[in-house]
Amino acid sequence: MDIAIFDHEGVIGLATVLLLVVTTIYAALTWWIASSNSRIVRSQLRPIVAFRIYRRQGIILSLSLENTGRSIANDIRISIDKNFYQYAEYKEERNIKSFYIFNNTISSIAPNESILLDLAQGFNFGKEINGEEITPMLFSMRLTYEWNGIQFDENQTIDIRPYMPSLAVKEPLENLDSIAESLKKIAKN
């Protein structure tokens, strides 16, 4: 009889240990799944601040600083690695590196908000003065911003070269002004 009791107690002890191991594994997996879900939710809610190249009036390229995320980005700081003289006008007040957004912290950018910054016309890219490229076709931007106590530090290379063939093409709606002028002349006659 002692052997049967011993076996019974041994089975209960072994079952208890196995239950403890399974419970520990289950708790660890539950914690891992919960933390993974939390990271996924945070990544979907976070702001995403970046520059987008935007073609305007057929020949002008602009940069649009945009928040395409779902939350407000705070304390945005932007730097550019090269001088860039807007519209190839070699004057310090046209050097975008000296513009407000490159020298001050932007308090916040809401989702779907953007700041447009004209660069130059297609024929002005790659211009040099005294050996200095004043409208470079390749430059880098660094953006830092904060959301919910998390700091983001992103680098973005702006490459104008792929856009060059399309800069001579005018959008159909851009011709409306000249059409309106022609109609006014016709109406006067």
C-alpha atoms as a PDB file:
ATOM      1  CA  MET A   1       0.000   0.000   0.000  1.00  0.00           C
ATOM      2  CA  ASP A   2       2.832   2.384   0.663  1.00  0.00           C
ATOM      3  CA  ILE A   3       3.957   1.995  -2.935  1.00  0.00           C
ATOM      4  CA  ALA A   4       0.532   2.994  -4.310  1.00  0.00           C
ATOM      5  CA  ILE A   5       0.411   6.071  -2.061  1.00  0.00           C
ATOM      6  CA  PHE A   6       3.911   7.004  -3.079  1.00  0.00           C
ATOM      7  CA  ASP A   7       3.033   6.626  -6.746  1.00  0.00           C
ATOM      8  CA  HIS A   8      -0.107   8.682  -6.267  1.00  0.00           C
ATOM      9  CA  GLU A   9       1.798  11.472  -4.482  1.00  0.00           C
ATOM     10  CA  GLY A  10       4.538  11.299  -7.100  1.00  0.00           C
ATOM     11  CA  VAL A  11       2.000  11.685  -9.904  1.00  0.00           C
ATOM     12  CA  ILE A  12       0.414  14.673  -8.140  1.00  0.00           C
ATOM     13  CA  GLY A  13       3.824  16.239  -7.614  1.00  0.00           C
ATOM     14  CA  LEU A  14       4.805  15.681 -11.247  1.00  0.00           C
ATOM     15  CA  ALA A  15       1.452  17.069 -12.446  1.00  0.00           C
ATOM     16  CA  THR A  16       1.943  20.132 -10.226  1.00  0.00           C
ATOM     17  CA  VAL A  17       5.404  20.765 -11.686  1.00  0.00           C
ATOM     18  CA  LEU A  18       4.110  20.302 -15.248  1.00  0.00           C
ATOM     19  CA  LEU A  19       1.195  22.641 -14.534  1.00  0.00           C
ATOM     20  CA  LEU A  20       3.631  25.230 -13.177  1.00  0.00           C
ATOM     21  CA  VAL A  21       5.827  24.955 -16.311  1.00  0.00           C
ATOM     22  CA  VAL A  22       2.840  25.201 -18.667  1.00  0.00           C
ATOM     23  CA  THR A  23       1.421  28.177 -16.736  1.00  0.00           C
ATOM     24  CA  THR A  24       4.807  29.934 -16.837  1.00  0.00           C
ATOM     25  CA  ILE A  25       5.110  29.351 -20.602  1.00  0.00           C
ATOM     26  CA  TYR A  26       1.523  30.545 -21.111  1.00  0.00           C
ATOM     27  CA  ALA A  27       2.164  33.699 -19.040  1.00  0.00           C
ATOM     28  CA  ALA A  28       5.383  34.426 -20.967  1.00  0.00           C
ATOM     29  CA  LEU A  29       3.654  33.973 -24.335  1.00  0.00           C
ATOM     30  CA  THR A  30       0.752  36.175 -23.230  1.00  0.00           C
ATOM     31  CA  TRP A  31       3.177  38.915 -22.161  1.00  0.00           C
ATOM     32  CA  TRP A  32       5.090  38.618 -25.469  1.00  0.00           C
ATOM     33  CA  ILE A  33       1.874  38.827 -27.536  1.00  0.00           C
ATOM     34  CA  ALA A  34       0.627  41.825 -25.534  1.00  0.00           C
ATOM     35  CA  SER A  35       3.909  43.716 -25.922  1.00  0.00           C
ATOM     36  CA  SER A  36       4.016  42.889 -29.659  1.00  0.00           C
ATOM     37  CA  ASN A  37       0.467  44.193 -30.073  1.00  0.00           C
ATOM     38  CA  SER A  38       1.380  47.336 -28.162  1.00  0.00           C
ATOM     39  CA  ARG A  39       4.363  47.975 -30.491  1.00  0.00           C
ATOM     40  CA  ILE A  40       2.158  47.432 -33.550  1.00  0.00           C
ATOM     41  CA  VAL A  41      -0.490  49.860 -32.276  1.00  0.00           C
ATOM     42  CA  ARG A  42       2.180  52.472 -31.438  1.00  0.00           C
ATOM     43  CA  SER A  43       3.733  52.130 -34.911  1.00  0.00           C
ATOM     44  CA  GLN A  44       0.328  52.646 -36.538  1.00  0.00           C
ATOM     45  CA  LEU A  45      -0.525  55.699 -34.432  1.00  0.00           C
ATOM     46  CA  ARG A  46       2.829  57.487 -34.621  1.00  0.00           C
ATOM     47  CA  PRO A  47       3.534  60.543 -36.743  1.00  0.00           C
ATOM     48  CA  ILE A  48       5.606  60.047 -39.894  1.00  0.00           C
ATOM     49  CA  VAL A  49       7.385  63.234 -40.933  1.00  0.00           C
ATOM     50  CA  ALA A  50       9.246  63.328 -44.243  1.00  0.00           C
ATOM     51  CA  PHE A  51       9.855  65.435 -47.323  1.00  0.00           C
ATOM     52  CA  ARG A  52       8.062  64.711 -50.572  1.00  0.00           C
ATOM     53  CA  ILE A  53       9.104  66.164 -53.921  1.00  0.00           C
ATOM     54  CA  TYR A  54       6.281  68.043 -55.556  1.00  0.00           C
ATOM     55  CA  ARG A  55       6.179  69.322 -59.160  1.00  0.00           C
ATOM     56  CA  ARG A  56       4.434  72.639 -59.601  1.00  0.00           C
ATOM     57  CA  GLN A  57       3.579  74.664 -62.717  1.00  0.00           C
ATOM     58  CA  GLY A  58       5.259  72.092 -64.909  1.00  0.00           C
ATOM     59  CA  ILE A  59       8.816  73.227 -64.264  1.00  0.00           C
ATOM     60  CA  ILE A  60       9.199  74.091 -60.566  1.00  0.00           C
ATOM     61  CA  LEU A  61      10.174  71.459 -58.021  1.00  0.00           C
ATOM     62  CA  SER A  62       9.172  72.024 -54.435  1.00  0.00           C
ATOM     63  CA  LEU A  63       9.707  70.103 -51.235  1.00  0.00           C
ATOM     64  CA  SER A  64       6.708  69.413 -49.087  1.00  0.00           C
ATOM     65  CA  LEU A  65       7.415  68.659 -45.432  1.00  0.00           C
ATOM     66  CA  GLU A  66       4.513  66.395 -44.475  1.00  0.00           C
ATOM     67  CA  ASN A  67       3.202  64.461 -41.526  1.00  0.00           C
ATOM     68  CA  THR A  68       1.558  61.413 -43.096  1.00  0.00           C
ATOM     69  CA  GLY A  69       1.103  59.658 -39.755  1.00  0.00           C
ATOM     70  CA  ARG A  70      -1.905  59.630 -37.440  1.00  0.00           C
ATOM     71  CA  SER A  71      -0.582  61.739 -34.561  1.00  0.00           C
ATOM     72  CA  ILE A  72       0.915  65.172 -34.017  1.00  0.00           C
ATOM     73  CA  ALA A  73       4.698  65.357 -34.342  1.00  0.00           C
ATOM     74  CA  ASN A  74       6.314  67.703 -31.816  1.00  0.00           C
ATOM     75  CA  ASP A  75       9.601  69.593 -31.593  1.00  0.00           C
ATOM     76  CA  ILE A  76      10.573  69.119 -35.245  1.00  0.00           C
ATOM     77  CA  ARG A  77      14.135  70.080 -36.157  1.00  0.00           C
ATOM     78  CA  ILE A  78      15.397  69.956 -39.725  1.00  0.00           C
ATOM     79  CA  SER A  79      18.867  70.362 -41.174  1.00  0.00           C
ATOM     80  CA  ILE A  80      20.206  70.237 -44.716  1.00  0.00           C
ATOM     81  CA  ASP A  81      23.751  69.190 -45.589  1.00  0.00           C
ATOM     82  CA  LYS A  82      24.334  71.667 -48.467  1.00  0.00           C
ATOM     83  CA  ASN A  83      23.564  75.237 -49.399  1.00  0.00           C
ATOM     84  CA  PHE A  84      20.652  75.489 -51.816  1.00  0.00           C
ATOM     85  CA  TYR A  85      19.817  78.846 -53.384  1.00  0.00           C
ATOM     86  CA  GLN A  86      16.137  79.016 -54.243  1.00  0.00           C
ATOM     87  CA  TYR A  87      15.465  79.636 -57.968  1.00  0.00           C
ATOM     88  CA  ALA A  88      19.286  79.752 -58.482  1.00  0.00           C
ATOM     89  CA  GLU A  89      19.374  83.287 -57.018  1.00  0.00           C
ATOM     90  CA  TYR A  90      22.800  83.494 -55.390  1.00  0.00           C
ATOM     91  CA  LYS A  91      21.760  85.671 -52.435  1.00  0.00           C
ATOM     92  CA  GLU A  92      21.932  84.686 -48.773  1.00  0.00           C
ATOM     93  CA  GLU A  93      18.216  85.400 -48.261  1.00  0.00           C
ATOM     94  CA  ARG A  94      17.507  82.788 -50.978  1.00  0.00           C
ATOM     95  CA  ASN A  95      19.683  80.106 -49.343  1.00  0.00           C
ATOM     96  CA  ILE A  96      17.088  77.703 -47.939  1.00  0.00           C
ATOM     97  CA  LYS A  97      19.630  76.630 -45.327  1.00  0.00           C
ATOM     98  CA  SER A  98      19.014  80.037 -43.699  1.00  0.00           C
ATOM     99  CA  PHE A  99      15.198  79.725 -43.774  1.00  0.00           C
ATOM    100  CA  TYR A 100      13.226  79.615 -40.532  1.00  0.00           C
ATOM    101  CA  ILE A 101      12.416  75.897 -40.708  1.00  0.00           C
ATOM    102  CA  PHE A 102      16.125  74.973 -40.841  1.00  0.00           C
ATOM    103  CA  ASN A 103      17.155  77.186 -37.930  1.00  0.00           C
ATOM    104  CA  ASN A 104      14.284  76.901 -35.463  1.00  0.00           C
ATOM    105  CA  THR A 105      12.258  74.198 -33.814  1.00  0.00           C
ATOM    106  CA  ILE A 106       8.805  73.772 -35.310  1.00  0.00           C
ATOM    107  CA  SER A 107       6.517  73.196 -32.315  1.00  0.00           C
ATOM    108  CA  SER A 108       4.229  70.717 -34.053  1.00  0.00           C
ATOM    109  CA  ILE A 109       2.889  69.395 -37.325  1.00  0.00           C
ATOM    110  CA  ALA A 110      -0.549  67.829 -37.270  1.00  0.00           C
ATOM    111  CA  PRO A 111      -1.509  64.767 -39.329  1.00  0.00           C
ATOM    112  CA  ASN A 112      -1.977  65.652 -43.022  1.00  0.00           C
ATOM    113  CA  GLU A 113      -0.367  69.054 -42.481  1.00  0.00           C
ATOM    114  CA  SER A 114       2.410  70.178 -44.821  1.00  0.00           C
ATOM    115  CA  ILE A 115       4.843  73.034 -45.360  1.00  0.00           C
ATOM    116  CA  LEU A 116       5.710  73.773 -48.998  1.00  0.00           C
ATOM    117  CA  LEU A 117       9.176  74.994 -49.918  1.00  0.00           C
ATOM    118  CA  ASP A 118       9.941  75.934 -53.545  1.00  0.00           C
ATOM    119  CA  LEU A 119      13.372  74.877 -54.801  1.00  0.00           C
ATOM    120  CA  ALA A 120      13.924  75.902 -58.424  1.00  0.00           C
ATOM    121  CA  GLN A 121      12.832  75.548 -62.002  1.00  0.00           C
ATOM    122  CA  GLY A 122      14.104  72.481 -63.846  1.00  0.00           C
ATOM    123  CA  PHE A 123      16.567  74.458 -65.967  1.00  0.00           C
ATOM    124  CA  ASN A 124      18.179  75.913 -62.821  1.00  0.00           C
ATOM    125  CA  PHE A 125      19.163  72.633 -61.151  1.00  0.00           C
ATOM    126  CA  GLY A 126      22.854  71.818 -61.110  1.00  0.00           C
ATOM    127  CA  LYS A 127      23.939  75.461 -61.595  1.00  0.00           C
ATOM    128  CA  GLU A 128      27.337  76.520 -60.297  1.00  0.00           C
ATOM    129  CA  ILE A 129      28.799  79.882 -59.355  1.00  0.00           C
ATOM    130  CA  ASN A 130      32.504  80.204 -58.547  1.00  0.00           C
ATOM    131  CA  GLY A 131      32.787  76.400 -58.413  1.00  0.00           C
ATOM    132  CA  GLU A 132      29.967  76.060 -55.861  1.00  0.00           C
ATOM    133  CA  GLU A 133      26.868  74.163 -56.880  1.00  0.00           C
ATOM    134  CA  ILE A 134      24.065  76.521 -55.877  1.00  0.00           C
ATOM    135  CA  THR A 135      21.135  74.245 -56.785  1.00  0.00           C
ATOM    136  CA  PRO A 136      22.375  70.715 -56.110  1.00  0.00           C
ATOM    137  CA  MET A 137      20.452  67.770 -57.506  1.00  0.00           C
ATOM    138  CA  LEU A 138      21.435  65.551 -54.585  1.00  0.00           C
ATOM    139  CA  PHE A 139      21.367  66.574 -50.918  1.00  0.00           C
ATOM    140  CA  SER A 140      20.401  65.159 -47.542  1.00  0.00           C
ATOM    141  CA  MET A 141      17.982  66.270 -44.879  1.00  0.00           C
ATOM    142  CA  ARG A 142      17.908  65.224 -41.246  1.00  0.00           C
ATOM    143  CA  LEU A 143      14.650  65.370 -39.324  1.00  0.00           C
ATOM    144  CA  THR A 144      14.212  64.853 -35.620  1.00  0.00           C
ATOM    145  CA  TYR A 145      10.870  64.948 -33.860  1.00  0.00           C
ATOM    146  CA  GLU A 146       9.113  63.653 -30.780  1.00  0.00           C
ATOM    147  CA  TRP A 147       5.871  61.822 -30.099  1.00  0.00           C
ATOM    148  CA  ASN A 148       4.589  60.384 -26.851  1.00  0.00           C
ATOM    149  CA  GLY A 149       8.023  60.536 -25.223  1.00  0.00           C
ATOM    150  CA  ILE A 150       9.700  58.770 -28.179  1.00  0.00           C
ATOM    151  CA  GLN A 151      12.381  60.556 -30.214  1.00  0.00           C
ATOM    152  CA  PHE A 152      12.619  59.924 -33.959  1.00  0.00           C
ATOM    153  CA  ASP A 153      15.780  60.702 -35.923  1.00  0.00           C
ATOM    154  CA  GLU A 154      15.456  60.238 -39.662  1.00  0.00           C
ATOM    155  CA  ASN A 155      17.733  60.952 -42.616  1.00  0.00           C
ATOM    156  CA  GLN A 156      16.346  61.490 -46.076  1.00  0.00           C
ATOM    157  CA  THR A 157      18.256  61.881 -49.331  1.00  0.00           C
ATOM    158  CA  ILE A 158      16.620  64.166 -51.868  1.00  0.00           C
ATOM    159  CA  ASP A 159      17.522  63.157 -55.434  1.00  0.00           C
ATOM    160  CA  ILE A 160      16.222  65.521 -58.114  1.00  0.00           C
ATOM    161  CA  ARG A 161      17.770  63.652 -61.072  1.00  0.00           C
ATOM    162  CA  PRO A 162      14.856  61.238 -61.697  1.00  0.00           C
ATOM    163  CA  TYR A 163      12.470  64.212 -62.010  1.00  0.00           C
ATOM    164  CA  MET A 164      14.456  66.111 -64.633  1.00  0.00           C
ATOM    165  CA  PRO A 165      12.823  64.550 -67.745  1.00  0.00           C
ATOM    166  CA  SER A 166       9.334  65.461 -66.495  1.00  0.00           C
ATOM    167  CA  LEU A 167      10.035  69.098 -65.657  1.00  0.00           C
ATOM    168  CA  ALA A 168       9.321  70.390 -69.160  1.00  0.00           C
ATOM    169  CA  VAL A 169       5.877  68.790 -69.280  1.00  0.00           C
ATOM    170  CA  LYS A 170       3.067  71.175 -68.388  1.00  0.00           C
ATOM    171  CA  GLU A 171      -0.076  70.079 -66.658  1.00  0.00           C
ATOM    172  CA  PRO A 172      -3.227  70.703 -68.753  1.00  0.00           C
ATOM    173  CA  LEU A 173      -4.808  72.875 -66.041  1.00  0.00           C
ATOM    174  CA  GLU A 174      -1.755  75.149 -65.989  1.00  0.00           C
ATOM    175  CA  ASN A 175      -2.766  76.462 -69.427  1.00  0.00           C
ATOM    176  CA  LEU A 176      -6.077  77.870 -68.155  1.00  0.00           C
ATOM    177  CA  ASP A 177      -4.624  81.364 -67.646  1.00  0.00           C
ATOM    178  CA  SER A 178      -3.467  81.617 -71.247  1.00  0.00           C
ATOM    179  CA  ILE A 179      -6.801  80.213 -72.464  1.00  0.00           C
ATOM    180  CA  ALA A 180      -8.675  82.787 -70.357  1.00  0.00           C
ATOM    181  CA  GLU A 181      -6.542  85.603 -71.852  1.00  0.00           C
ATOM    182  CA  SER A 182      -7.257  84.355 -75.360  1.00  0.00           C
ATOM    183  CA  LEU A 183     -10.987  84.249 -74.640  1.00  0.00           C
ATOM    184  CA  LYS A 184     -10.893  87.828 -73.314  1.00  0.00           C
ATOM    185  CA  LYS A 185      -9.195  88.982 -76.525  1.00  0.00           C
ATOM    186  CA  ILE A 186     -11.767  87.159 -78.637  1.00  0.00           C
ATOM    187  CA  ALA A 187     -14.617  88.692 -76.610  1.00  0.00           C
ATOM    188  CA  LYS A 188     -13.216  92.225 -77.153  1.00  0.00           C
ATOM    189  CA  ASN A 189     -13.108  91.699 -80.920  1.00  0.00           C
END
